[in-house]
Amino acid sequence: MKDTILLDKYLLLWKERNENVIVAELRHYIKNEFGGTLETPIGNLICYKEHKPIFWRIKIVLREDIKYSQTQNRIFVITKSAYKRKLNYYLEKLKDFVNPRFRAEKELDNEIKKFLLDNNLISEPFSISRSIEKTENFDFIGEIEEFDYT
């Protein structure tokens, strides 16, 4: 599965694509002066087929802790912290932001919808929604075995 670029600034990193489920990580990216990109994960695209009645449900889930700096034209991940030093940094950085939260353009929803339809990944009827995710807790259970690339 090849990654997909939308609106020259959003990248879909495909995790799963089949006839019932589509999952991708959504990233904002900026090309740097060395020919590479600076990428920031901003959310997830989740599509699945509902039953009774049958239709596709498209969910765009964006992270709450993404901020945009107008003066630096950059996107930051900034979270609140119990530590006074980090909280002061957080409050200082907020002064530099246009909006309290990074907002992906509305055109992104339309581009995702168009890409999915044009590539026959979904079909009508479908619903599309956008929400903001606030992670309350994260636990990782089990062990990951390293893959031997040799």
Foldseek 3Di string as FASTA:
>chain_A
DDWDDDPNFKIWAWDDADQFKTKTFIWGWDQDPVRRIDIDGFFMWIWGFDVPPTFIEIETEGEFQWFAFPVVRDIDRQDDDPDPVSNVVRVVVCVRTPDNGDDDDPVVQVRVVVVCVVVVSGDPDYHYDYYYDDDPDDDDDDDDDDDDPD
